[in-house]
């Protein structure tokens, strides 16, 4: 059915996708963070469904709680962090001509994954 993957920081699942968009449910375990990364072909809108997201967008720290959202433009360096003791759940809407998992350029990664690879 829909793509799903377990990562060192948590997991993601594709909820829907079509031409020019993809919707994911992202779960970040307590005190974990995704790689610091950019995308060449897509923007992302993150809606926090549960918990508190502490994000870095082009060097600026942005905090969003349940019901709030963060927008990341194409090419902006970004990172999602869960600095708290409860799960962080985000609904991510990717918008762009290409939303493949290989549109990630990792700038830094806590888990030793390659700089250019999938999420």
N, C-alpha and C. Protein backbone atom coordinates (compact mmCIF):
# COMPACT_ATOMS: atom_id res chain seq x y z
N UNK A 1 0.85 -1.19 0.00
CA UNK A 1 0.00 0.00 0.00
C UNK A 1 0.89 1.25 0.00
N UNK A 2 0.93 1.96 1.12
CA UNK A 2 1.73 3.18 1.20
C UNK A 2 3.09 2.88 1.80
N UNK A 3 4.09 3.67 1.41
CA UNK A 3 5.44 3.49 1.92
C UNK A 3 5.48 3.74 3.42
N UNK A 4 6.39 3.01 4.08
CA UNK A 4 6.59 3.09 5.53
C UNK A 4 8.04 2.76 5.79
N UNK A 5 8.67 3.45 6.74
CA UNK A 5 10.04 3.11 7.09
C UNK A 5 10.32 3.45 8.54
N UNK A 6 11.13 2.61 9.15
CA UNK A 6 11.60 2.86 10.52
C UNK A 6 13.00 3.43 10.40
N UNK A 7 13.24 4.53 11.08
CA UNK A 7 14.53 5.21 11.06
C UNK A 7 15.13 5.23 12.46
N UNK A 8 16.40 5.58 12.60
CA UNK A 8 17.01 5.62 13.94
C UNK A 8 16.30 6.60 14.89
N UNK A 9 15.68 7.64 14.34
CA UNK A 9 15.02 8.67 15.14
C UNK A 9 13.53 8.39 15.37
N UNK A 10 12.95 7.45 14.63
CA UNK A 10 11.51 7.19 14.73
C UNK A 10 11.02 6.48 13.49
N UNK A 11 9.93 6.98 12.88
CA UNK A 11 9.37 6.33 11.70
C UNK A 11 8.55 7.32 10.89
N UNK A 12 8.31 6.96 9.62
CA UNK A 12 7.41 7.74 8.77
C UNK A 12 6.56 6.80 7.94
N UNK A 13 5.41 7.33 7.53
CA UNK A 13 4.48 6.57 6.69
C UNK A 13 3.83 7.54 5.71
N UNK A 14 3.79 7.14 4.45
CA UNK A 14 3.09 7.96 3.44
C UNK A 14 1.60 7.71 3.59
N UNK A 15 0.84 8.79 3.75
CA UNK A 15 -0.61 8.71 3.90
C UNK A 15 -1.34 8.90 2.57
N UNK A 16 -0.75 9.72 1.70
CA UNK A 16 -1.37 10.00 0.40
C UNK A 16 -0.30 10.62 -0.50
N UNK A 17 -0.46 10.46 -1.80
CA UNK A 17 0.42 11.14 -2.73
C UNK A 17 -0.24 11.23 -4.08
N UNK A 18 0.16 12.23 -4.83
CA UNK A 18 -0.35 12.45 -6.17
C UNK A 18 0.61 13.37 -6.90
N UNK A 19 0.22 13.80 -8.07
CA UNK A 19 1.10 14.66 -8.86
C UNK A 19 1.36 15.97 -8.12
N UNK A 20 2.62 16.20 -7.77
CA UNK A 20 3.02 17.44 -7.12
C UNK A 20 2.90 17.47 -5.61
N UNK A 21 2.51 16.36 -4.98
CA UNK A 21 2.41 16.38 -3.52
C UNK A 21 2.58 14.98 -2.92
N UNK A 22 2.95 14.97 -1.65
CA UNK A 22 3.00 13.74 -0.85
C UNK A 22 2.68 14.14 0.59
N UNK A 23 1.90 13.30 1.29
CA UNK A 23 1.55 13.55 2.68
C UNK A 23 2.11 12.41 3.53
N UNK A 24 2.87 12.77 4.57
CA UNK A 24 3.48 11.78 5.45
C UNK A 24 3.09 12.01 6.90
N UNK A 25 3.03 10.93 7.65
CA UNK A 25 2.94 10.98 9.11
C UNK A 25 4.33 10.66 9.62
N UNK A 26 4.92 11.57 10.38
CA UNK A 26 6.27 11.40 10.91
C UNK A 26 6.19 11.33 12.43
N UNK A 27 6.80 10.29 13.01
CA UNK A 27 6.84 10.14 14.47
C UNK A 27 8.30 10.20 14.90
N UNK A 28 8.63 11.14 15.78
CA UNK A 28 9.99 11.32 16.27
C UNK A 28 10.03 10.94 17.75
N UNK A 29 10.89 9.98 18.07
CA UNK A 29 11.01 9.53 19.46
C UNK A 29 11.59 10.64 20.34
N UNK A 30 11.32 10.58 21.65
CA UNK A 30 11.86 11.59 22.56
C UNK A 30 13.37 11.72 22.45
N UNK A 31 13.83 12.97 22.46
CA UNK A 31 15.26 13.32 22.46
C UNK A 31 16.00 12.82 21.22
N UNK A 32 15.29 12.77 20.09
CA UNK A 32 15.89 12.38 18.81
C UNK A 32 15.68 13.50 17.81
N UNK A 33 16.45 13.46 16.72
CA UNK A 33 16.28 14.46 15.67
C UNK A 33 16.63 13.87 14.32
N UNK A 34 16.01 14.42 13.28
CA UNK A 34 16.27 14.01 11.91
C UNK A 34 17.57 14.68 11.45
N UNK A 35 18.05 14.27 10.30
CA UNK A 35 19.25 14.89 9.76
C UNK A 35 18.98 16.36 9.41
N UNK A 36 20.06 17.15 9.44
CA UNK A 36 20.01 18.53 8.97
C UNK A 36 20.14 18.41 7.46
N UNK A 37 19.17 18.92 6.69
CA UNK A 37 19.08 18.60 5.28
C UNK A 37 18.47 19.71 4.45
N UNK A 38 18.59 19.55 3.14
CA UNK A 38 17.90 20.42 2.19
C UNK A 38 17.24 19.56 1.12
N UNK A 39 16.33 20.16 0.37
CA UNK A 39 15.68 19.49 -0.76
C UNK A 39 15.77 20.41 -1.97
N UNK A 40 16.06 19.82 -3.10
CA UNK A 40 16.19 20.59 -4.34
C UNK A 40 14.86 20.77 -5.06
N UNK A 41 13.91 19.85 -4.83
CA UNK A 41 12.69 19.84 -5.64
C UNK A 41 11.39 20.03 -4.87
N UNK A 42 11.45 20.14 -3.55
CA UNK A 42 10.19 20.22 -2.81
C UNK A 42 10.28 21.17 -1.62
N UNK A 43 9.12 21.74 -1.31
CA UNK A 43 8.91 22.49 -0.08
C UNK A 43 8.16 21.56 0.87
N UNK A 44 8.16 21.89 2.16
CA UNK A 44 7.45 21.06 3.14
C UNK A 44 6.67 21.95 4.09
N UNK A 45 5.47 21.50 4.43
CA UNK A 45 4.67 22.15 5.46
C UNK A 45 4.43 21.12 6.56
N UNK A 46 4.92 21.41 7.76
CA UNK A 46 4.78 20.48 8.88
C UNK A 46 3.69 20.98 9.81
N UNK A 47 2.71 20.14 10.08
CA UNK A 47 1.68 20.45 11.08
C UNK A 47 1.93 19.53 12.27
N UNK A 48 2.12 20.12 13.43
CA UNK A 48 2.37 19.33 14.63
C UNK A 48 1.04 18.80 15.13
N UNK A 49 0.92 17.47 15.17
CA UNK A 49 -0.31 16.83 15.64
C UNK A 49 -0.23 16.51 17.13
N UNK A 50 0.99 16.21 17.61
CA UNK A 50 1.19 15.86 19.02
C UNK A 50 2.61 16.22 19.42
N UNK A 51 2.78 16.75 20.61
CA UNK A 51 4.10 17.08 21.11
C UNK A 51 4.54 18.47 20.73
N UNK A 52 5.85 18.69 20.83
CA UNK A 52 6.46 19.98 20.51
C UNK A 52 7.62 19.76 19.56
N UNK A 53 7.61 20.47 18.46
CA UNK A 53 8.67 20.39 17.45
C UNK A 53 9.60 21.58 17.65
N UNK A 54 10.87 21.29 17.82
CA UNK A 54 11.89 22.34 17.84
C UNK A 54 12.67 22.17 16.54
N UNK A 55 12.46 23.08 15.62
CA UNK A 55 13.07 22.98 14.29
C UNK A 55 14.12 24.05 14.11
N UNK A 56 15.06 23.76 13.23
CA UNK A 56 16.01 24.77 12.78
C UNK A 56 15.76 24.95 11.29
N UNK A 57 15.44 26.19 10.89
CA UNK A 57 15.17 26.52 9.49
C UNK A 57 16.16 27.62 9.10
N UNK A 58 17.10 27.30 8.21
CA UNK A 58 18.14 28.25 7.81
C UNK A 58 18.80 28.92 9.01
N UNK A 59 19.11 28.13 10.04
CA UNK A 59 19.81 28.63 11.22
C UNK A 59 18.94 29.26 12.29
N UNK A 60 17.66 29.43 12.03
CA UNK A 60 16.74 30.03 13.00
C UNK A 60 15.96 28.93 13.72
N UNK A 61 15.92 28.99 15.05
CA UNK A 61 15.17 28.02 15.84
C UNK A 61 13.69 28.43 15.84
N UNK A 62 12.83 27.47 15.49
CA UNK A 62 11.39 27.69 15.45
C UNK A 62 10.74 26.59 16.29
N UNK A 63 9.88 26.96 17.22
CA UNK A 63 9.19 25.99 18.07
C UNK A 63 7.71 26.01 17.71
N UNK A 64 7.14 24.81 17.50
CA UNK A 64 5.71 24.69 17.18
C UNK A 64 5.11 23.59 18.04
N UNK A 65 3.93 23.85 18.56
CA UNK A 65 3.21 22.89 19.39
C UNK A 65 2.00 22.34 18.63
N UNK A 66 1.32 21.39 19.22
CA UNK A 66 0.15 20.77 18.58
C UNK A 66 -0.79 21.84 18.02
N UNK A 67 -1.13 21.69 16.75
CA UNK A 67 -2.02 22.63 16.07
C UNK A 67 -1.29 23.73 15.32
N UNK A 68 0.00 23.86 15.53
CA UNK A 68 0.78 24.89 14.84
C UNK A 68 1.55 24.26 13.68
N UNK A 69 2.02 25.11 12.77
CA UNK A 69 2.72 24.57 11.60
C UNK A 69 3.99 25.36 11.30
N UNK A 70 4.85 24.73 10.52
CA UNK A 70 6.12 25.32 10.08
C UNK A 70 6.23 25.06 8.58
N UNK A 71 6.60 26.10 7.83
CA UNK A 71 6.76 25.96 6.39
C UNK A 71 8.24 26.05 6.04
N UNK A 72 8.70 25.12 5.21
CA UNK A 72 10.09 25.08 4.75
C UNK A 72 10.09 25.22 3.23
N UNK A 73 10.73 26.27 2.73
CA UNK A 73 10.79 26.50 1.30
C UNK A 73 11.82 25.58 0.64
N UNK A 74 11.68 25.39 -0.66
CA UNK A 74 12.66 24.62 -1.43
C UNK A 74 14.05 25.20 -1.19
N UNK A 75 15.01 24.33 -0.87
CA UNK A 75 16.39 24.74 -0.70
C UNK A 75 16.77 25.19 0.69
N UNK A 76 15.80 25.44 1.58
CA UNK A 76 16.14 25.86 2.94
C UNK A 76 16.71 24.69 3.74
N UNK A 77 17.80 24.94 4.44
CA UNK A 77 18.36 23.94 5.35
C UNK A 77 17.44 23.82 6.56
N UNK A 78 17.13 22.57 6.96
CA UNK A 78 16.18 22.37 8.04
C UNK A 78 16.45 21.09 8.82
N UNK A 79 15.91 21.05 10.02
CA UNK A 79 16.03 19.88 10.89
C UNK A 79 14.88 19.89 11.88
N UNK A 80 14.27 18.71 12.08
CA UNK A 80 13.23 18.52 13.09
C UNK A 80 13.87 17.87 14.30
N UNK A 81 13.59 18.40 15.49
CA UNK A 81 14.09 17.84 16.74
C UNK A 81 12.94 17.67 17.73
N UNK A 82 12.96 16.54 18.43
CA UNK A 82 12.04 16.33 19.55
C UNK A 82 12.89 16.40 20.82
N UNK A 83 12.88 17.54 21.48
CA UNK A 83 13.69 17.76 22.68
C UNK A 83 12.95 17.38 23.96
N UNK A 84 11.82 16.72 23.84
CA UNK A 84 10.96 16.46 24.99
C UNK A 84 10.83 14.97 25.29
N UNK A 85 10.06 14.66 26.34
CA UNK A 85 9.91 13.28 26.81
C UNK A 85 8.75 12.53 26.18
N UNK A 86 7.92 13.19 25.39
CA UNK A 86 6.80 12.52 24.73
C UNK A 86 7.05 12.43 23.23
N UNK A 87 6.33 11.54 22.57
CA UNK A 87 6.45 11.42 21.12
C UNK A 87 6.06 12.72 20.43
N UNK A 88 6.73 13.00 19.33
CA UNK A 88 6.37 14.10 18.45
C UNK A 88 5.76 13.50 17.20
N UNK A 89 4.55 13.94 16.85
CA UNK A 89 3.88 13.45 15.65
C UNK A 89 3.62 14.66 14.74
N UNK A 90 4.09 14.54 13.52
CA UNK A 90 3.96 15.62 12.53
C UNK A 90 3.28 15.07 11.29
N UNK A 91 2.38 15.84 10.72
CA UNK A 91 1.84 15.54 9.40
C UNK A 91 2.57 16.48 8.44
N UNK A 92 3.30 15.89 7.52
CA UNK A 92 4.12 16.65 6.59
C UNK A 92 3.49 16.62 5.20
N UNK A 93 3.30 17.80 4.62
CA UNK A 93 2.83 17.89 3.25
C UNK A 93 3.99 18.39 2.41
N UNK A 94 4.44 17.54 1.49
CA UNK A 94 5.51 17.90 0.57
C UNK A 94 4.88 18.42 -0.72
N UNK A 95 5.40 19.53 -1.22
CA UNK A 95 4.86 20.14 -2.43
C UNK A 95 6.00 20.40 -3.40
N UNK A 96 5.88 19.87 -4.61
CA UNK A 96 6.91 20.10 -5.60
C UNK A 96 6.79 19.16 -6.77
N UNK A 97 7.58 19.43 -7.79
CA UNK A 97 7.54 18.62 -9.00
C UNK A 97 8.02 17.20 -8.75
N UNK A 98 8.87 17.03 -7.72
CA UNK A 98 9.41 15.70 -7.41
C UNK A 98 9.46 15.54 -5.90
N UNK A 99 8.88 14.45 -5.39
CA UNK A 99 8.83 14.21 -3.94
C UNK A 99 9.48 12.88 -3.55
N UNK A 100 10.39 12.40 -4.37
CA UNK A 100 11.05 11.13 -4.08
C UNK A 100 11.95 11.21 -2.86
N UNK A 101 12.17 10.05 -2.25
CA UNK A 101 12.99 9.97 -1.04
C UNK A 101 14.46 10.29 -1.30
N UNK A 102 14.88 10.27 -2.56
CA UNK A 102 16.28 10.58 -2.85
C UNK A 102 16.53 12.08 -3.05
N UNK A 103 15.51 12.92 -2.85
CA UNK A 103 15.69 14.37 -2.92
C UNK A 103 16.07 14.91 -1.55
N UNK A 104 17.16 14.38 -1.01
CA UNK A 104 17.65 14.82 0.29
C UNK A 104 19.16 15.00 0.19
N UNK A 105 19.62 16.17 0.59
CA UNK A 105 21.05 16.40 0.75
C UNK A 105 21.30 16.60 2.24
N UNK A 106 21.92 15.60 2.86
CA UNK A 106 22.20 15.68 4.29
C UNK A 106 23.41 16.57 4.55
N UNK A 107 23.22 17.54 5.42
CA UNK A 107 24.29 18.44 5.81
C UNK A 107 24.99 17.93 7.07
N UNK A 108 24.21 17.26 7.92
CA UNK A 108 24.72 16.68 9.17
C UNK A 108 23.75 15.59 9.60
N UNK A 109 24.29 14.51 10.19
CA UNK A 109 23.43 13.41 10.61
C UNK A 109 24.00 12.75 11.86
N UNK A 110 23.16 12.58 12.87
CA UNK A 110 23.59 11.98 14.14
C UNK A 110 23.86 10.49 14.03
N UNK A 111 23.41 9.87 12.95
CA UNK A 111 23.44 8.40 12.86
C UNK A 111 24.42 7.90 11.81
N UNK A 112 25.27 8.77 11.29
CA UNK A 112 26.31 8.36 10.36
C UNK A 112 25.84 7.98 8.98
N UNK A 113 24.65 8.43 8.59
CA UNK A 113 24.15 8.13 7.25
C UNK A 113 24.79 9.03 6.22
N UNK A 114 24.82 8.59 4.99
CA UNK A 114 25.47 9.32 3.90
C UNK A 114 24.89 10.72 3.76
N UNK A 115 25.71 11.63 3.24
CA UNK A 115 25.27 13.01 3.08
C UNK A 115 24.19 13.18 2.03
N UNK A 116 24.25 12.42 0.95
CA UNK A 116 23.21 12.47 -0.07
C UNK A 116 22.59 11.09 -0.14
N UNK A 117 21.35 10.99 0.31
CA UNK A 117 20.68 9.69 0.37
C UNK A 117 19.21 9.90 0.65
N UNK A 118 18.53 8.79 0.97
CA UNK A 118 17.10 8.89 1.30
C UNK A 118 16.92 9.38 2.72
N UNK A 119 15.67 9.78 3.03
CA UNK A 119 15.33 10.38 4.32
C UNK A 119 15.88 9.57 5.45
